[in-house]
Amino acid sequence: MKKAVDIPNFEAYESVDRDDFGAQIEPDRYGDRSDTFDEIISATEGHFWDPDDRSYLDFTHPFDLTEQLLMPVSFTPELNCAVVDKLDERQQILFGNELTRFYLSQLLHGEQGALSLSASLCHIFRDPGAQEYAANQVREEARHVHALTRYFAVRWGAPLAAGGGLLSLLTTLVMTGEVYQKIVGMQMLVEGLALGAFSTIYNSTTDPVLRRMVQFILTDESYHHRFGRIWGASTLPKLNEEQRAQIENWAAGCFVTIFRNFGGLHQKQSIYSRFGFDWEWVAGAMREASHGDAAREALQSHFQLYRVLAKTLLQAGIITDRTRPLYRSWFDIDSLAGEPDGLSEAIAEATLAEFREIHREKQRTGTIRNRQL
């Protein structure tokens, strides 16, 4: 195995050993603060929301999981193959909603991973500004975990377990002391997946509670993703070829792990078995149907979940000719660079305007919380 090379941390991303607390209380360190993150730190109050306050979210809005799909048939490849021939209409709805439950569960685990990782960055960042940003992200990720947990409670009772690949990746990202692994793995890839997935859900779900919740999460995530882009712009141009190749390889490995966890059929075999299916039979049925228009549309819709994270890597220069063939297995990678940005940004802008109205009303009335019991 090729020996790893050191990846230097530049400027605001400098770090210290997580066990060296003495480095955090050196007198000169407190004043050595960059202004790199001031804009996204100062915006924190503007996109505050409270999952327990009906002014923002009302989890009491009903939705019958036995009568209606949370996501359209085109979102779920398994509903576009021979699987549906073995299920009646009600079973198809239950099956589709259980698969949506699986995807949302993985997103919840990803949010918990982002919470724990952001907390770990507070232990190693030397720059007080970077540390303050990471602390703010901890709070916002905790809000996402809170909101998603409430959603699972009212719709299913509880989430499903994390896939083995995702659990392993999140554990690595939280525990590693390498800043580049944390930033690329979480702030670019996992957060990029979250942006893609939540944008797809926002545009497609039939549940108004889910749509509104992911609207708010997307607004927060647009700032978190920006933190990763700042790292890429400030760090990657200063690296040599060997260092860049190491980061590129790390990103490719993380991408495959994420894709296999969300897209790998074996990760969903516990759901299949509850409906009487063997996961390998489901895989065969999906392969057989893959030439049909509906199945192709469903697969393309599913791949949309990963476009934001692939585009982030491409724009940062982390996808080059070395690893381009890997990503071409799923995307027209060459077209990604020319795609306009802005879906999540547009959602965030509209949400911020709504938040301003809510916050003004709260200031006017002196209302802090209308707690949902």
Protein backbone atom coordinates (compact mmCIF):
# COMPACT_ATOMS: atom_id res chain seq x y z
CA MET A 1 0.00 0.00 0.00
CA LYS A 2 1.34 3.39 -0.98
CA LYS A 3 2.41 5.50 1.98
CA ALA A 4 0.15 8.45 2.71
CA VAL A 5 1.54 11.92 2.20
CA ASP A 6 0.98 14.83 4.55
CA ILE A 7 -1.76 17.23 3.51
CA PRO A 8 -1.01 20.67 4.95
CA ASN A 9 -3.81 22.78 6.38
CA PHE A 10 -3.71 26.34 5.22
CA GLU A 11 -4.65 29.55 7.00
CA ALA A 12 -8.06 29.30 8.66
CA TYR A 13 -8.08 25.50 8.55
CA GLU A 14 -4.95 24.97 10.63
CA SER A 15 -5.37 22.34 13.32
CA VAL A 16 -3.74 20.99 16.45
CA ASP A 17 -3.74 17.50 17.90
CA ARG A 18 -7.14 16.73 19.42
CA ASP A 19 -5.45 15.66 22.67
CA ASP A 20 -3.38 18.85 22.93
CA PHE A 21 -5.77 21.12 24.80
CA GLY A 22 -2.85 23.29 25.88
CA ALA A 23 -2.58 24.53 22.29
CA GLN A 24 -6.14 25.85 22.54
CA ILE A 25 -5.42 28.05 25.55
CA GLU A 26 -2.19 29.67 24.41
CA PRO A 27 -2.70 33.41 24.96
CA ASP A 28 -1.59 34.40 21.46
CA ARG A 29 -4.04 32.00 19.82
CA TYR A 30 -7.18 33.88 20.90
CA GLY A 31 -6.30 36.96 18.87
CA ASP A 32 -5.10 35.00 15.84
CA ARG A 33 -8.56 34.87 14.26
CA SER A 34 -9.27 35.06 10.55
CA ASP A 35 -12.39 36.68 9.09
CA THR A 36 -12.87 33.88 6.52
CA PHE A 37 -16.10 32.61 8.07
CA ASP A 38 -17.55 35.83 9.45
CA GLU A 39 -20.24 36.07 6.78
CA ILE A 40 -21.67 32.59 7.35
CA ILE A 41 -21.32 32.95 11.12
CA SER A 42 -23.24 36.24 11.17
CA ALA A 43 -26.00 34.70 9.03
CA THR A 44 -26.70 32.03 11.66
CA GLU A 45 -29.37 33.98 13.53
CA GLY A 46 -31.21 34.75 10.30
CA HIS A 47 -31.83 31.10 9.50
CA PHE A 48 -32.72 29.98 13.02
CA TRP A 49 -35.78 27.73 13.33
CA ASP A 50 -37.20 25.58 16.10
CA PRO A 51 -38.62 22.10 15.35
CA ASP A 52 -40.84 22.33 18.46
CA ASP A 53 -42.45 25.62 17.46
CA ARG A 54 -45.59 25.47 15.29
CA SER A 55 -44.69 28.86 13.85
CA TYR A 56 -42.16 26.92 11.82
CA LEU A 57 -43.35 23.30 11.65
CA ASP A 58 -46.58 21.55 12.54
CA PHE A 59 -45.93 17.84 12.95
CA THR A 60 -49.60 17.18 13.74
CA HIS A 61 -50.57 17.43 10.06
CA PRO A 62 -51.84 13.93 9.16
CA PHE A 63 -50.58 11.66 6.40
CA ASP A 64 -51.78 8.08 5.84
CA LEU A 65 -48.82 5.90 4.88
CA THR A 66 -51.17 3.07 3.92
CA GLU A 67 -53.06 5.15 1.36
CA GLN A 68 -50.51 7.42 -0.31
CA LEU A 69 -46.88 7.30 -1.39
CA LEU A 70 -44.59 9.85 0.25
CA MET A 71 -42.52 10.01 -2.94
CA PRO A 72 -43.68 9.39 -6.52
CA VAL A 73 -43.21 6.01 -8.22
CA SER A 74 -40.46 7.56 -10.35
CA PHE A 75 -38.35 8.06 -7.20
CA THR A 76 -38.24 4.34 -6.36
CA PRO A 77 -36.58 2.00 -8.91
CA GLU A 78 -38.05 -1.06 -7.17
CA LEU A 79 -41.56 0.13 -8.11
CA ASN A 80 -40.63 0.10 -11.80
CA CYS A 81 -39.89 -3.60 -12.27
CA ALA A 82 -41.46 -7.03 -11.76
CA VAL A 83 -41.64 -6.41 -8.01
CA VAL A 84 -44.96 -4.59 -8.48
CA ASP A 85 -46.48 -7.67 -10.17
CA LYS A 86 -46.28 -9.47 -6.83
CA LEU A 87 -47.85 -6.69 -4.75
CA ASP A 88 -51.36 -5.32 -4.68
CA GLU A 89 -51.91 -1.56 -4.72
CA ARG A 90 -51.86 -1.18 -0.94
CA GLN A 91 -48.72 -3.30 -0.60
CA GLN A 92 -47.01 -1.20 -3.27
CA ILE A 93 -47.72 1.93 -1.21
CA LEU A 94 -46.45 0.33 1.99
CA PHE A 95 -43.35 -1.01 0.19
CA GLY A 96 -42.56 2.35 -1.43
CA ASN A 97 -42.96 4.20 1.85
CA GLU A 98 -40.70 1.75 3.67
CA LEU A 99 -38.01 2.40 1.07
CA THR A 100 -38.46 6.14 1.59
CA ARG A 101 -38.13 5.45 5.31
CA PHE A 102 -34.80 3.74 4.57
CA TYR A 103 -33.47 6.74 2.62
CA LEU A 104 -34.62 9.22 5.24
CA SER A 105 -33.06 7.06 7.96
CA GLN A 106 -29.69 7.18 6.22
CA LEU A 107 -30.02 10.96 5.95
CA LEU A 108 -30.79 11.15 9.68
CA HIS A 109 -27.65 9.12 10.45
CA GLY A 110 -25.71 11.43 8.15
CA GLU A 111 -26.98 14.45 10.09
CA GLN A 112 -25.87 12.83 13.35
CA GLY A 113 -22.50 12.16 11.74
CA ALA A 114 -22.26 15.82 10.72
CA LEU A 115 -23.14 16.88 14.27
CA SER A 116 -20.43 14.68 15.80
CA LEU A 117 -17.88 15.61 13.15
CA SER A 118 -18.49 19.34 13.63
CA ALA A 119 -17.98 18.87 17.36
CA SER A 120 -14.71 17.09 16.62
CA LEU A 121 -13.57 20.05 14.50
CA CYS A 122 -14.04 22.28 17.54
CA HIS A 123 -11.40 20.16 19.29
CA ILE A 124 -8.76 20.54 16.58
CA PHE A 125 -9.23 23.88 14.80
CA ARG A 126 -6.68 26.43 15.94
CA ASP A 127 -8.38 29.43 14.32
CA PRO A 128 -11.08 30.81 16.67
CA GLY A 129 -13.19 31.83 13.67
CA ALA A 130 -13.16 28.33 12.22
CA GLN A 131 -13.92 26.98 15.67
CA GLU A 132 -16.88 29.35 16.07
CA TYR A 133 -18.24 28.29 12.68
CA ALA A 134 -17.92 24.60 13.61
CA ALA A 135 -19.70 25.24 16.92
CA ASN A 136 -22.58 26.91 15.06
CA GLN A 137 -22.81 23.93 12.72
CA VAL A 138 -23.03 21.58 15.72
CA ARG A 139 -26.12 23.49 16.85
CA GLU A 140 -27.70 23.39 13.40
CA GLU A 141 -27.00 19.69 12.84
CA ALA A 142 -28.54 18.98 16.26
CA ARG A 143 -31.63 20.84 15.04
CA HIS A 144 -31.80 18.57 11.98
CA VAL A 145 -31.46 15.44 14.10
CA HIS A 146 -34.23 16.77 16.36
CA ALA A 147 -36.59 17.56 13.47
CA LEU A 148 -36.01 14.30 11.60
CA THR A 149 -36.45 12.31 14.81
CA ARG A 150 -39.81 14.01 15.38
CA TYR A 151 -40.80 13.23 11.81
CA PHE A 152 -39.99 9.54 12.25
CA ALA A 153 -41.91 9.52 15.52
CA VAL A 154 -45.13 10.77 13.94
CA ARG A 155 -44.88 8.77 10.70
CA TRP A 156 -43.28 5.44 11.68
CA GLY A 157 -42.28 5.54 15.33
CA ALA A 158 -38.55 5.15 14.71
CA PRO A 159 -35.92 5.23 11.94
CA LEU A 160 -34.19 2.21 10.44
CA ALA A 161 -30.58 1.25 11.17
CA ALA A 162 -27.61 2.72 9.34
CA GLY A 163 -26.17 0.67 6.52
CA GLY A 164 -22.82 -0.92 7.34
CA GLY A 165 -20.92 1.13 4.78
CA LEU A 166 -22.34 4.41 6.01
CA LEU A 167 -21.66 3.53 9.64
CA SER A 168 -18.04 2.73 8.81
CA LEU A 169 -17.56 5.92 6.80
CA LEU A 170 -19.15 8.19 9.40
CA THR A 171 -17.06 6.59 12.16
CA THR A 172 -13.90 7.23 10.14
CA LEU A 173 -14.85 10.84 9.43
CA VAL A 174 -15.66 11.61 13.07
CA MET A 175 -12.59 9.90 14.54
CA THR A 176 -9.90 10.91 12.05
CA GLY A 177 -7.60 13.77 12.96
CA GLU A 178 -7.03 14.65 9.28
CA VAL A 179 -8.84 17.86 8.44
CA TYR A 180 -8.93 17.11 4.70
CA GLN A 181 -10.67 13.79 5.31
CA LYS A 182 -13.29 15.47 7.47
CA ILE A 183 -13.87 18.33 5.05
CA VAL A 184 -13.95 16.28 1.83
CA GLY A 185 -15.82 13.37 3.35
CA MET A 186 -18.45 15.33 5.26
CA GLN A 187 -18.67 18.95 4.13
CA MET A 188 -18.37 18.12 0.44
CA LEU A 189 -19.65 14.55 0.01
CA VAL A 190 -22.14 13.80 2.79
CA GLU A 191 -23.42 17.40 2.80
CA GLY A 192 -23.50 17.31 -1.01
CA LEU A 193 -25.63 14.18 -0.87
CA ALA A 194 -27.90 15.87 1.67
CA LEU A 195 -28.37 18.86 -0.64
CA GLY A 196 -29.20 16.61 -3.59
CA ALA A 197 -31.49 14.30 -1.60
CA PHE A 198 -33.36 17.02 0.26
CA SER A 199 -33.79 19.05 -2.95
CA THR A 200 -35.31 16.00 -4.65
CA ILE A 201 -37.61 15.37 -1.69
CA TYR A 202 -38.61 19.04 -1.53
CA ASN A 203 -39.63 19.01 -5.20
CA SER A 204 -41.38 15.63 -5.17
CA THR A 205 -42.89 14.65 -1.81
CA THR A 206 -46.65 14.59 -1.31
CA ASP A 207 -46.31 15.15 2.46
CA PRO A 208 -46.43 18.88 3.28
CA VAL A 209 -44.73 18.30 6.66
CA LEU A 210 -41.79 16.53 5.05
CA ARG A 211 -41.55 19.18 2.35
CA ARG A 212 -41.48 22.04 4.84
CA MET A 213 -38.98 20.32 7.11
CA VAL A 214 -36.51 19.62 4.30
CA GLN A 215 -36.97 23.20 3.08
CA PHE A 216 -35.59 24.40 6.42
CA ILE A 217 -32.83 21.77 6.51
CA LEU A 218 -31.78 22.74 2.98
CA THR A 219 -31.41 26.34 4.08
CA ASP A 220 -28.95 25.35 6.81
CA GLU A 221 -27.14 22.88 4.56
CA SER A 222 -26.47 25.50 1.92
CA TYR A 223 -24.22 27.26 4.46
CA HIS A 224 -22.53 24.04 5.57
CA HIS A 225 -21.74 23.14 1.99
CA ARG A 226 -20.23 26.59 1.52
CA PHE A 227 -17.74 25.84 4.32
CA GLY A 228 -16.41 22.91 2.26
CA ARG A 229 -16.19 25.03 -0.89
CA ILE A 230 -14.15 27.66 0.97
CA TRP A 231 -11.74 24.91 2.06
CA GLY A 232 -11.38 23.66 -1.52
CA ALA A 233 -10.72 27.12 -2.94
CA SER A 234 -8.13 27.97 -0.27
CA THR A 235 -6.37 24.61 -0.04
CA LEU A 236 -6.33 22.67 -3.30
CA PRO A 237 -4.47 25.21 -5.49
CA LYS A 238 -1.53 25.07 -3.06
CA LEU A 239 -1.04 21.30 -3.14
CA ASN A 240 1.41 19.33 -5.23
CA GLU A 241 0.36 16.54 -7.60
CA GLU A 242 0.90 13.74 -5.09
CA GLN A 243 -1.13 15.52 -2.40
CA ARG A 244 -3.98 16.24 -4.82
CA ALA A 245 -4.01 12.61 -5.97
CA GLN A 246 -4.36 11.45 -2.36
CA ILE A 247 -7.34 13.73 -1.80
CA GLU A 248 -8.85 12.64 -5.12
CA ASN A 249 -8.50 8.97 -4.16
CA TRP A 250 -10.03 9.62 -0.74
CA ALA A 251 -13.00 11.41 -2.32
CA ALA A 252 -13.56 8.61 -4.82
CA GLY A 253 -13.55 6.00 -2.07
CA CYS A 254 -16.04 8.01 -0.01
CA PHE A 255 -18.28 8.49 -3.04
CA VAL A 256 -18.43 4.75 -3.75
CA THR A 257 -19.20 3.99 -0.09
CA ILE A 258 -22.04 6.53 -0.04
CA PHE A 259 -23.46 5.32 -3.34
CA ARG A 260 -23.38 1.68 -2.30
CA ASN A 261 -25.04 2.45 1.02
CA PHE A 262 -27.94 4.37 -0.51
CA GLY A 263 -28.15 2.55 -3.83
CA GLY A 264 -26.93 -0.93 -2.90
CA LEU A 265 -29.85 -3.36 -2.82
CA HIS A 266 -28.24 -5.59 -0.19
CA GLN A 267 -28.50 -2.66 2.26
CA LYS A 268 -32.29 -2.84 1.91
CA GLN A 269 -32.69 -6.61 2.16
CA SER A 270 -34.46 -6.41 5.55
CA ILE A 271 -37.22 -4.39 3.86
CA TYR A 272 -37.40 -6.76 0.89
CA SER A 273 -37.69 -9.81 3.14
CA ARG A 274 -40.66 -8.29 5.01
CA PHE A 275 -42.52 -8.23 1.69
CA GLY A 276 -41.40 -11.74 0.73
CA PHE A 277 -38.56 -10.82 -1.64
CA ASP A 278 -34.96 -11.98 -1.83
CA TRP A 279 -32.71 -9.03 -2.54
CA GLU A 280 -30.88 -10.83 -5.30
CA TRP A 281 -34.21 -11.56 -7.02
CA VAL A 282 -35.06 -7.84 -6.75
CA ALA A 283 -31.68 -7.01 -8.30
CA GLY A 284 -32.42 -9.37 -11.19
CA ALA A 285 -35.88 -7.89 -11.70
CA MET A 286 -34.42 -4.40 -11.80
CA ARG A 287 -31.74 -5.42 -14.29
CA GLU A 288 -34.36 -7.04 -16.51
CA ALA A 289 -36.49 -3.90 -16.45
CA SER A 290 -33.57 -1.50 -16.92
CA HIS A 291 -34.14 -1.14 -20.66
CA GLY A 292 -37.70 0.10 -20.18
CA ASP A 293 -38.50 3.81 -20.19
CA ALA A 294 -40.08 3.85 -16.72
CA ALA A 295 -37.19 1.96 -15.12
CA ARG A 296 -34.60 4.19 -16.79
CA GLU A 297 -36.48 7.27 -15.60
CA ALA A 298 -36.57 5.91 -12.05
CA LEU A 299 -32.85 5.14 -12.07
CA GLN A 300 -32.03 8.57 -13.45
CA SER A 301 -34.22 10.14 -10.78
CA HIS A 302 -32.36 8.12 -8.17
CA PHE A 303 -28.98 9.19 -9.53
CA GLN A 304 -30.04 12.83 -9.15
CA LEU A 305 -29.42 12.37 -5.42
CA TYR A 306 -25.69 12.16 -6.11
CA ARG A 307 -25.30 14.90 -8.69
CA VAL A 308 -24.69 17.72 -6.21
CA LEU A 309 -21.84 15.94 -4.48
CA ALA A 310 -20.26 14.89 -7.80
CA LYS A 311 -20.60 18.44 -9.10
CA THR A 312 -18.99 19.80 -5.92
CA LEU A 313 -15.97 17.55 -6.39
CA LEU A 314 -15.73 18.45 -10.07
CA GLN A 315 -15.89 22.20 -9.46
CA ALA A 316 -13.30 21.90 -6.69
CA GLY A 317 -10.91 20.10 -9.04
CA ILE A 318 -11.07 16.84 -7.08
CA ILE A 319 -12.31 14.92 -10.13
CA THR A 320 -9.65 14.77 -12.84
CA ASP A 321 -8.87 12.46 -15.74
CA ARG A 322 -7.60 9.89 -13.23
CA THR A 323 -10.98 9.28 -11.61
CA ARG A 324 -13.38 10.62 -14.24
CA PRO A 325 -14.19 7.10 -15.53
CA LEU A 326 -15.48 6.09 -12.08
CA TYR A 327 -18.05 8.89 -11.99
CA ARG A 328 -19.00 8.33 -15.65
CA SER A 329 -20.54 5.04 -14.52
CA TRP A 330 -23.43 7.11 -13.12
CA PHE A 331 -23.31 10.58 -14.70
CA ASP A 332 -22.53 12.46 -17.83
CA ILE A 333 -19.73 13.97 -15.79
CA ASP A 334 -18.69 16.37 -18.55
CA SER A 335 -22.09 18.07 -18.51
CA LEU A 336 -22.07 18.65 -14.74
CA ALA A 337 -19.64 21.56 -14.90
CA GLY A 338 -21.98 23.49 -17.19
CA GLU A 339 -25.07 22.99 -15.07
CA PRO A 340 -26.31 26.13 -13.31
CA ASP A 341 -26.07 26.28 -9.54
CA GLY A 342 -28.84 27.51 -7.42
CA LEU A 343 -31.72 25.17 -6.60
CA SER A 344 -30.84 24.91 -2.92
CA GLU A 345 -29.70 28.54 -2.93
CA ALA A 346 -33.05 29.66 -4.34
CA ILE A 347 -34.90 27.62 -1.72
CA ALA A 348 -32.68 29.11 0.97
CA GLU A 349 -33.33 32.68 -0.17
CA ALA A 350 -37.09 32.18 -0.13
CA THR A 351 -36.89 30.51 3.28
CA LEU A 352 -34.79 33.31 4.74
CA ALA A 353 -37.44 35.83 3.69
CA GLU A 354 -40.07 33.70 5.42
CA PHE A 355 -37.93 33.42 8.55
CA ARG A 356 -37.56 37.20 8.68
CA GLU A 357 -41.34 37.52 8.79
CA ILE A 358 -41.66 34.87 11.53
CA HIS A 359 -38.88 36.46 13.60
CA ARG A 360 -40.39 39.94 13.25
CA GLU A 361 -43.75 38.63 14.40
CA LYS A 362 -42.14 36.94 17.40
CA GLN A 363 -40.36 40.13 18.35
CA ARG A 364 -43.62 42.08 18.01
CA THR A 365 -45.63 39.67 20.16
CA GLY A 366 -42.87 38.61 22.52
CA THR A 367 -43.54 34.94 21.62
CA ILE A 368 -40.57 32.64 22.10
CA ARG A 369 -42.03 29.20 21.54
CA ASN A 370 -45.38 27.65 20.75
CA ARG A 371 -44.33 24.18 21.82
CA GLN A 372 -45.91 21.11 20.28
CA LEU A 373 -46.82 18.56 22.91
